[in-house]
Amino acid sequence: MEIFGIGPFELALVALIAFIVLGPERIPGVMRQLGRLVRQVRNWTQEITREYSQDIQEVTGPLNEVREELRGVQRDLTKVARDAMSTPPTDPTPTIRPPAPSPTRPAPPPETGG
């Protein structure tokens, strides 16, 4: 098992060097400080992760809404296309109307000014 890319042998070597350099009196205080530092770094990373998640949600929220609207439009268009393809074509001749009859009275002659 490795911690931060450090294997058990390297970790034991670092602990031995720390014991020699710091001495048994100062090791508990240094370990407390190291624990506080690790806790603070974890809090910072959690806060940064939370902020980025909120920012990403602010950006992706409207995009997801637009995506859902487009999916609805796609479903509607698909339904219309399927309905149009499933109904048989109608004969266009009944919709053609004969030309309107010509007027029975002739138009009055234009008035000349004078």
Foldseek 3Di string as FASTA:
>chain_A
DDDPNHDPVNVVVVVVVCCVVVPPVCVVVVVVVVVVVVVVVVVVVVVVVVVVVVVVCVVCVVVVVVVVVVVVVVVVVVVVVVVVVVDDDDDCVVVDDDDDDDDPDDDDDDDDDD
